[in-house]
Amino acid sequence: MELYNQLKGLADKVESLKDKIHNEESTKHAFILPFIQILGYDAFNPLEVVPEFTADIGTKKGEKVDYAIYQNGEPILIIECKHWEADLNVHNSGQLFRYFHVTKTRFALLTNGVVYKFYTDLDATNKMDEKPFLEFDITNIKESIVKEIEKFHKSKFDINKIVNNASTLKYTTAIKNVLEGEMIDPSTDMVKLLTGKVYNGRLTSNVVVEFEEIIKKAFTQLINEKVNFRLNSALSKEEDNQKEETTEEIEVSKIETTQEELEAYSIVLAILRRKIPKERVTHRDTQSYFGILLDDNNRKPICRLHLNGGVKYISTFTEEKKEVKEMINSIDDIYNYENQLLKVIEFYEN
């Protein structure tokens, strides 16, 4: 979630500034260096991020790519940058191909700060593929893509995991694009394939034309039905939740949140802000305990406080969501459970 929020923040910056960015150098500083920083690399540490990465290749001397990211003294990602309005075409980026061949890196990135294309060598060893295995537009980021971007984060970078997943990712994306195109405008081969499964007559040109429209309608209806099913399921779930909330409201009316509980909540909040924004931490008071949750989600309890009885307790949670209840003398003792509280956030985030 934190990475998604950081990328969303960069996307907002791109949208607001791009019309004021007039050259490649400004694109690098305004859009691409912040992206490198989001991946956990220090853009101002020349041992991690090398600008104007240079290597002599055969008869070509002094050619450069814009950046190389290093880990353990070896380049792990070379990056070529373009102005944000430029088309990204690997045939116009010969440096990436040549550098990929002579360096030990398995990954190359071509970007204009808006669109990002990651390449590896799936088709031929040590030769950069012509098609990316991962491509996204940062202004239209999806959560599924964020999970793939996260694999390039400094703290999670694992060459073997990325390469092993790259082939599946590359071809899954390609097939999705093909299917999307076929749904919008079915090709003759697709029309013949589907028609042949439902029509017993001879596939004349007139029949193919007729079924082209039928298939378009079938795709549209199928998508609508799937969407409506998901919406109806969500609405039914919401109605069930509303019934539960009505019952809860009756119970809540009997609850009085004390000043001590609010002060204890502030202590927990102060501890957790080292890891997450305060907006993600909420509290719910019940008749039995004062609960503190992540993302206002009952399935993500952070801790429970029992402060209204003669003896005070705090309950923290293990990775298996097992509740561990311990006695405290006062709310100041909550500071002693800093490690447990931060660990709860850590396993929810992972």
Protein backbone atom coordinates (compact mmCIF):
# COMPACT_ATOMS: atom_id res chain seq x y z
CA MET A 1 0.00 0.00 0.00
CA GLU A 2 2.86 2.38 0.82
CA LEU A 3 4.48 1.82 -2.58
CA TYR A 4 1.13 2.35 -4.30
CA ASN A 5 0.65 5.65 -2.47
CA GLN A 6 4.15 6.80 -3.42
CA LEU A 7 3.59 5.94 -7.09
CA LYS A 8 0.20 7.65 -7.00
CA GLY A 9 1.87 10.74 -5.55
CA LEU A 10 4.42 10.72 -8.38
CA ALA A 11 1.60 10.24 -10.92
CA ASP A 12 -0.15 13.34 -9.56
CA LYS A 13 3.12 15.24 -9.88
CA VAL A 14 3.55 14.09 -13.48
CA GLU A 15 0.02 15.20 -14.38
CA SER A 16 0.47 18.63 -12.81
CA LEU A 17 3.98 19.36 -14.13
CA LYS A 18 4.35 17.67 -17.51
CA ASP A 19 3.10 20.65 -19.55
CA LYS A 20 5.90 22.71 -17.96
CA ILE A 21 8.65 20.18 -18.74
CA HIS A 22 10.26 21.06 -22.08
CA ASN A 23 13.33 18.83 -22.38
CA GLU A 24 14.74 15.42 -21.54
CA GLU A 25 16.96 16.68 -18.71
CA SER A 26 13.99 18.21 -16.89
CA THR A 27 12.04 14.99 -17.40
CA LYS A 28 14.82 13.03 -15.70
CA HIS A 29 15.01 15.33 -12.69
CA ALA A 30 11.26 15.86 -12.22
CA PHE A 31 9.89 12.38 -12.99
CA ILE A 32 12.50 9.64 -13.36
CA LEU A 33 14.86 10.33 -10.45
CA PRO A 34 11.88 10.40 -8.03
CA PHE A 35 10.84 7.00 -9.42
CA ILE A 36 14.33 5.65 -8.71
CA GLN A 37 14.09 7.05 -5.19
CA ILE A 38 10.71 5.33 -4.71
CA LEU A 39 12.42 2.03 -5.55
CA GLY A 40 14.63 2.62 -2.51
CA TYR A 41 17.84 3.66 -4.29
CA ASP A 42 19.73 6.81 -3.34
CA ALA A 43 19.82 8.82 -6.57
CA PHE A 44 22.59 11.00 -5.09
CA ASN A 45 24.87 8.10 -4.12
CA PRO A 46 27.22 7.35 -7.06
CA LEU A 47 27.81 3.86 -5.67
CA GLU A 48 24.10 3.07 -6.14
CA VAL A 49 22.95 5.23 -9.03
CA VAL A 50 25.52 6.07 -11.72
CA PRO A 51 24.45 8.88 -14.08
CA GLU A 52 25.77 8.98 -17.66
CA PHE A 53 26.88 5.35 -17.40
CA THR A 54 29.67 4.87 -19.97
CA ALA A 55 31.40 1.86 -21.50
CA ASP A 56 33.45 1.46 -24.67
CA ILE A 57 31.80 -1.05 -26.97
CA GLY A 58 33.85 -2.26 -29.93
CA THR A 59 34.48 0.67 -32.25
CA LYS A 60 31.95 2.85 -30.42
CA LYS A 61 33.67 4.92 -27.76
CA GLY A 62 32.07 6.94 -24.99
CA GLU A 63 28.47 5.88 -25.58
CA LYS A 64 26.24 6.41 -22.58
CA VAL A 65 22.97 5.36 -21.04
CA ASP A 66 21.37 7.80 -18.64
CA TYR A 67 21.59 5.75 -15.43
CA ALA A 68 22.83 2.45 -14.09
CA ILE A 69 21.62 1.14 -10.74
CA TYR A 70 24.27 -0.82 -8.86
CA GLN A 71 24.02 -3.44 -6.15
CA ASN A 72 27.05 -5.16 -4.60
CA GLY A 73 29.32 -3.44 -7.08
CA GLU A 74 27.51 -4.72 -10.19
CA PRO A 75 24.92 -3.02 -12.44
CA ILE A 76 21.49 -4.59 -11.97
CA LEU A 77 19.43 -2.19 -14.10
CA ILE A 78 20.40 0.19 -16.91
CA ILE A 79 18.03 3.03 -17.73
CA GLU A 80 17.58 5.13 -20.84
CA CYS A 81 15.41 8.24 -20.55
CA LYS A 82 13.45 10.24 -23.09
CA HIS A 83 11.43 13.46 -22.96
CA TRP A 84 7.97 12.76 -21.55
CA GLU A 85 6.31 13.41 -24.93
CA ALA A 86 8.68 11.12 -26.85
CA ASP A 87 7.55 7.75 -28.20
CA LEU A 88 9.37 4.82 -26.65
CA ASN A 89 10.81 2.67 -29.41
CA VAL A 90 13.62 0.23 -28.69
CA HIS A 91 14.86 0.57 -32.28
CA ASN A 92 15.74 4.17 -31.47
CA SER A 93 17.51 3.10 -28.27
CA GLY A 94 20.51 1.21 -29.55
CA GLN A 95 22.54 2.07 -26.44
CA LEU A 96 20.30 -0.13 -24.32
CA PHE A 97 20.79 -3.11 -26.65
CA ARG A 98 24.56 -2.68 -26.81
CA TYR A 99 25.03 -2.03 -23.09
CA PHE A 100 22.80 -4.95 -22.16
CA HIS A 101 25.10 -7.22 -24.15
CA VAL A 102 28.36 -6.07 -22.53
CA THR A 103 27.25 -5.60 -18.90
CA LYS A 104 26.25 -8.20 -16.34
CA THR A 105 22.78 -6.74 -15.89
CA ARG A 106 19.70 -8.80 -16.72
CA PHE A 107 17.34 -5.83 -16.86
CA ALA A 108 16.95 -2.64 -18.87
CA LEU A 109 14.41 0.16 -18.52
CA LEU A 110 13.27 2.52 -21.25
CA THR A 111 11.11 5.37 -19.96
CA ASN A 112 9.89 8.88 -20.63
CA GLY A 113 8.78 9.36 -17.03
CA VAL A 114 5.17 8.51 -17.91
CA VAL A 115 5.46 5.12 -19.61
CA TYR A 116 7.93 2.57 -18.22
CA LYS A 117 9.13 -0.48 -20.20
CA PHE A 118 11.25 -3.15 -18.51
CA TYR A 119 13.24 -5.60 -20.65
CA THR A 120 15.24 -8.77 -20.06
CA ASP A 121 16.70 -11.59 -22.20
CA LEU A 122 13.96 -14.23 -22.44
CA ASP A 123 14.32 -14.86 -26.18
CA ALA A 124 18.12 -15.18 -26.36
CA THR A 125 20.64 -15.25 -23.50
CA ASN A 126 22.49 -11.97 -22.96
CA LYS A 127 20.57 -10.28 -25.79
CA MET A 128 17.88 -7.80 -24.83
CA ASP A 129 14.38 -8.73 -25.98
CA GLU A 130 12.64 -6.41 -28.40
CA LYS A 131 9.43 -6.52 -26.37
CA PRO A 132 9.19 -5.56 -22.68
CA PHE A 133 8.04 -8.08 -20.09
CA LEU A 134 6.60 -5.29 -17.93
CA GLU A 135 5.04 -2.06 -19.18
CA PHE A 136 2.88 0.51 -17.43
CA ASP A 137 1.69 4.10 -17.54
CA ILE A 138 2.33 5.69 -14.17
CA THR A 139 -0.73 7.93 -14.54
CA ASN A 140 -2.93 4.85 -14.81
CA ILE A 141 -1.33 2.52 -12.29
CA LYS A 142 -3.03 -0.73 -11.24
CA GLU A 143 -2.48 -2.64 -8.01
CA SER A 144 -1.46 -5.79 -9.90
CA ILE A 145 1.32 -3.82 -11.60
CA VAL A 146 2.47 -2.32 -8.27
CA LYS A 147 3.25 -5.87 -7.09
CA GLU A 148 5.54 -6.33 -10.10
CA ILE A 149 7.22 -2.95 -9.61
CA GLU A 150 7.83 -3.83 -5.97
CA LYS A 151 10.09 -6.69 -7.07
CA PHE A 152 12.58 -4.06 -8.28
CA HIS A 153 12.64 -2.34 -4.89
CA LYS A 154 16.08 -2.33 -3.28
CA SER A 155 14.80 -4.26 -0.26
CA LYS A 156 13.17 -7.02 -2.36
CA PHE A 157 15.35 -7.23 -5.47
CA ASP A 158 15.95 -10.86 -6.47
CA ILE A 159 17.18 -11.52 -10.00
CA ASN A 160 15.98 -15.13 -10.13
CA LYS A 161 12.47 -14.33 -8.90
CA ILE A 162 12.04 -11.51 -11.42
CA VAL A 163 13.41 -13.53 -14.35
CA ASN A 164 11.36 -16.62 -13.46
CA ASN A 165 8.20 -14.51 -13.38
CA ALA A 166 9.09 -12.37 -16.42
CA SER A 167 8.08 -14.95 -19.03
CA THR A 168 4.64 -15.51 -17.49
CA LEU A 169 4.13 -11.77 -17.08
CA LYS A 170 5.21 -10.98 -20.63
CA TYR A 171 2.92 -13.49 -22.30
CA THR A 172 0.00 -12.91 -19.92
CA THR A 173 0.09 -9.22 -20.81
CA ALA A 174 0.36 -10.00 -24.52
CA ILE A 175 -2.59 -12.40 -24.42
CA LYS A 176 -4.70 -9.88 -22.49
CA ASN A 177 -3.95 -7.29 -25.17
CA VAL A 178 -4.90 -9.75 -27.92
CA LEU A 179 -8.16 -10.68 -26.17
CA GLU A 180 -9.03 -7.03 -25.62
CA GLY A 181 -8.46 -6.33 -29.31
CA GLU A 182 -10.54 -9.33 -30.34
CA MET A 183 -13.42 -8.24 -28.11
CA ILE A 184 -13.43 -4.74 -29.62
CA ASP A 185 -12.86 -5.80 -33.22
CA PRO A 186 -12.86 -9.59 -33.79
CA SER A 187 -10.42 -10.77 -36.45
CA THR A 188 -11.59 -13.03 -39.28
CA ASP A 189 -9.71 -15.97 -37.72
CA MET A 190 -11.46 -15.41 -34.38
CA VAL A 191 -14.87 -15.11 -36.07
CA LYS A 192 -14.31 -18.34 -37.98
CA LEU A 193 -13.06 -20.15 -34.88
CA LEU A 194 -16.07 -19.21 -32.74
CA THR A 195 -18.62 -19.54 -35.53
CA GLY A 196 -17.35 -23.02 -36.36
CA LYS A 197 -18.16 -24.12 -32.80
CA VAL A 198 -21.85 -23.09 -32.99
CA TYR A 199 -22.76 -23.03 -36.71
CA ASN A 200 -23.05 -26.25 -38.72
CA GLY A 201 -23.39 -24.69 -42.16
CA ARG A 202 -20.75 -23.63 -44.66
CA LEU A 203 -18.70 -20.61 -43.59
CA THR A 204 -19.28 -18.33 -46.56
CA SER A 205 -18.08 -14.71 -46.53
CA ASN A 206 -21.66 -13.54 -45.83
CA VAL A 207 -21.93 -15.89 -42.84
CA VAL A 208 -18.59 -14.61 -41.47
CA VAL A 209 -19.75 -10.98 -41.80
CA GLU A 210 -23.04 -11.79 -40.09
CA PHE A 211 -21.35 -13.61 -37.22
CA GLU A 212 -18.82 -10.81 -36.76
CA GLU A 213 -21.62 -8.60 -35.44
CA ILE A 214 -23.12 -11.47 -33.41
CA ILE A 215 -19.75 -12.13 -31.76
CA LYS A 216 -19.28 -8.43 -30.95
CA LYS A 217 -22.70 -8.40 -29.25
CA ALA A 218 -21.91 -11.66 -27.44
CA PHE A 219 -18.65 -10.22 -26.06
CA THR A 220 -20.44 -7.04 -24.94
CA GLN A 221 -23.27 -8.95 -23.26
CA LEU A 222 -20.84 -11.33 -21.56
CA ILE A 223 -18.83 -8.45 -20.10
CA ASN A 224 -21.99 -6.67 -18.95
CA GLU A 225 -23.30 -9.82 -17.32
CA LYS A 226 -20.01 -10.36 -15.49
CA VAL A 227 -19.97 -6.74 -14.31
CA ASN A 228 -23.60 -6.91 -13.19
CA PHE A 229 -22.94 -10.15 -11.33
CA ARG A 230 -20.04 -8.57 -9.46
CA LEU A 231 -22.11 -5.46 -8.69
CA ASN A 232 -25.07 -7.49 -7.42
CA SER A 233 -22.75 -9.61 -5.28
CA ALA A 234 -21.21 -6.44 -3.84
CA LEU A 235 -24.65 -4.93 -3.19
CA SER A 236 -25.85 -8.09 -1.43
CA LYS A 237 -22.74 -8.05 0.72
CA GLU A 238 -23.32 -4.37 1.51
CA GLU A 239 -26.92 -5.10 2.57
CA ASP A 240 -25.67 -7.84 4.89
CA ASN A 241 -23.10 -5.43 6.31
CA GLN A 242 -25.79 -2.79 6.82
CA LYS A 243 -27.85 -5.28 8.83
CA GLU A 244 -24.82 -6.04 10.95
CA GLU A 245 -24.09 -2.30 11.36
CA THR A 246 -27.68 -1.69 12.52
CA THR A 247 -27.17 -4.26 15.27
CA GLU A 248 -23.81 -2.70 16.09
CA GLU A 249 -25.37 0.78 16.32
CA ILE A 250 -27.72 -0.43 19.02
CA GLU A 251 -24.73 -1.78 20.94
CA VAL A 252 -22.63 1.34 20.28
CA SER A 253 -25.27 3.55 21.84
CA LYS A 254 -24.41 1.91 25.17
CA ILE A 255 -20.68 2.68 24.80
CA GLU A 256 -18.90 5.71 26.21
CA THR A 257 -15.34 6.36 25.03
CA THR A 258 -13.23 7.70 27.90
CA GLN A 259 -10.50 10.34 27.81
CA GLU A 260 -8.00 7.71 28.93
CA GLU A 261 -8.86 5.52 25.92
CA LEU A 262 -8.34 8.45 23.55
CA GLU A 263 -4.99 9.25 25.17
CA ALA A 264 -3.96 5.60 24.80
CA TYR A 265 -4.99 5.74 21.13
CA SER A 266 -2.72 8.79 20.69
CA ILE A 267 0.22 6.82 22.12
CA VAL A 268 -0.38 3.91 19.72
CA LEU A 269 -0.76 6.38 16.85
CA ALA A 270 2.57 8.04 17.70
CA ILE A 271 4.32 4.66 17.59
CA LEU A 272 2.72 3.53 14.32
CA ARG A 273 3.38 6.78 12.42
CA ARG A 274 6.98 5.62 12.02
CA LYS A 275 5.68 3.01 9.58
CA ILE A 276 2.35 4.24 8.16
CA PRO A 277 0.33 7.46 7.73
CA LYS A 278 -1.93 8.27 10.69
CA GLU A 279 -5.00 8.22 8.41
CA ARG A 280 -4.67 4.44 8.14
CA VAL A 281 -5.10 3.93 11.88
CA THR A 282 -8.63 3.98 13.34
CA HIS A 283 -10.29 3.00 16.60
CA ARG A 284 -13.55 1.31 17.49
CA ASP A 285 -14.86 1.23 21.01
CA THR A 286 -16.90 -1.78 22.14
CA GLN A 287 -18.44 -2.84 25.42
CA SER A 288 -15.59 -5.30 25.99
CA TYR A 289 -12.52 -3.39 24.77
CA PHE A 290 -11.19 -0.37 22.88
CA GLY A 291 -9.94 -1.68 19.52
CA ILE A 292 -7.36 -0.11 17.20
CA LEU A 293 -7.46 -1.22 13.54
CA LEU A 294 -5.48 -0.87 10.32
CA ASP A 295 -7.46 0.65 7.43
CA ASP A 296 -10.66 0.53 9.52
CA ASN A 297 -10.74 -3.23 8.83
CA ASN A 298 -11.95 -5.65 11.51
CA ARG A 299 -9.74 -8.32 9.96
CA LYS A 300 -6.67 -6.19 10.66
CA PRO A 301 -6.64 -5.60 14.42
CA ILE A 302 -3.49 -3.85 15.67
CA CYS A 303 -4.22 -4.05 19.39
CA ARG A 304 -7.04 -4.04 21.93
CA LEU A 305 -7.03 -2.03 25.14
CA HIS A 306 -8.95 -3.04 28.28
CA LEU A 307 -8.87 0.10 30.44
CA ASN A 308 -12.25 0.38 32.14
CA GLY A 309 -11.95 -2.44 34.66
CA GLY A 310 -10.01 -2.58 37.90
CA VAL A 311 -6.99 -4.07 36.08
CA LYS A 312 -5.72 -2.69 32.75
CA TYR A 313 -4.63 -4.89 29.84
CA ILE A 314 -3.24 -4.56 26.32
CA SER A 315 -3.77 -7.26 23.69
CA THR A 316 -1.34 -7.51 20.77
CA PHE A 317 -1.45 -9.98 17.88
CA THR A 318 0.97 -12.52 16.43
CA GLU A 319 1.44 -13.18 12.72
CA GLU A 320 -1.17 -15.94 13.00
CA LYS A 321 -3.56 -13.32 14.48
CA LYS A 322 -3.38 -15.00 17.87
CA GLU A 323 -4.29 -12.51 20.60
CA VAL A 324 -1.69 -12.06 23.38
CA LYS A 325 -3.15 -10.31 26.44
CA GLU A 326 -0.84 -8.69 29.01
CA MET A 327 -1.41 -6.59 32.10
CA ILE A 328 -0.22 -2.96 32.24
CA ASN A 329 -0.08 -0.53 35.14
CA SER A 330 -0.95 2.57 33.12
CA ILE A 331 -1.32 3.67 29.50
CA ASP A 332 2.32 4.82 29.58
CA ASP A 333 3.29 1.13 29.57
CA ILE A 334 2.00 0.96 25.97
CA TYR A 335 5.39 2.35 24.90
CA ASN A 336 6.93 -0.94 26.07
CA TYR A 337 5.02 -2.76 23.30
CA GLU A 338 6.44 -0.69 20.44
CA ASN A 339 8.13 -3.69 18.76
CA GLN A 340 4.99 -5.83 18.88
CA LEU A 341 2.82 -3.05 17.43
CA LEU A 342 5.23 -2.30 14.57
CA LYS A 343 5.58 -6.01 13.84
CA VAL A 344 1.79 -6.31 13.45
CA ILE A 345 1.89 -3.57 10.80
CA GLU A 346 4.81 -5.25 9.10
CA PHE A 347 3.11 -8.59 8.57
CA TYR A 348 -0.14 -6.95 7.42
CA GLU A 349 1.81 -4.91 4.84
CA ASN A 350 3.68 -7.96 3.61
